[in-house]
Amino acid sequence: MPKKLPKGVRQICFREKTGLFGYSEQISEYGNSSCEDRAGRFCGIRVLQSDSRDAEENLSIEEELTGQAERGVLCLLFWRNEDCVVIGRHQDAEAECRLDAAEKMGIRIVRRRTGGGAVFQDPGNLNVSFIAYADSLDEAICQEILLKALVKCGVDACKTGRNDLVLKDAGPGISGMKTSGSVKEEGDFRTEEPFGEGGKFSGSASRETPEGFFLFHATLMFDVDLDRMAAVLNASPAKLARHRIASVRSRVTNLCDRYPDLKMETVMGAIISESTDILMDAK
């Protein structure tokens, strides 16, 4: 169990595996689990939510929880931010953002510790973080959980070669706008692949710490202000060429444009359910 919950974070539930295919659940109760210390196997899922809307604070919370990962337990953290642009670990803020426009619009620029591209966020975007020991979790499993949860909610989505999630046969979005992308980091090694076409609504990034902890986080665009996004993100040809995606056009879209009745809480519940089914064999 983490030493203590960071300020502003509350536990939604804790699910602990019982028997071959079952689990017990504690609601809104934070305490010790009886999970066994078994590398590569999950016996518990701790679901947390941050009440903060401050991007720097939420990124700090995420880092604190990553440093307190529990053996055999997945930590799921849901969080949202007020208007901001979150840039990747290796990015130049001036190249990625229109800084004058961001200042005039009151949009903060913050940096995360994972790689990937610049992401505009507002309360219409949901962030989800998966935290565990690196020998138990990887990017592919997290993407599988997200995709299956969305499909369960009726979202007709698929994964691109870059591990972004897009709507099939999506309508118009913002053409040529790179919003997050998936980059895996191991030390100083970075791998990137070109974007695919389609209505992109989710991007992700991950990192493994020297202590052997693993963090994967993803954005889910429900009802993001695309006009403010277009005004603040810099999608110049020079920038696209620098990232070797000059000939690729990326479209972004909101889930609620296609699925107006879709609620964040519904998707959060589906992510919790799929995490339980996939990681604890509780089907």
Foldseek 3Di string as FASTA:
>chain_A
DFPDQPPQKWWQKKWFDDPQFAIDMDGRDDDDDPDDQDFQAAGMEIEMEGPDQDPVVVLVSVVSCQVRADRRYKYKYKYFHAWEKEAEPPDDLVQWWPVVLCVVVVYYYHYHDWHWGIATGHRQKMKMKIKHFQRHDDDVLLLVLLVVLCVVVVFQWDADPQRFIFGPPDDAADKQDGHTTEWEDDPPDIDGDEDDEHATFKHKYKYADPVRMIMIMMMGRADDDRVSVVNITDRDLVVCVVVVHNPPMYGHDHPCVVVVPDDPVSSVVSSVVSCCCPRSVND
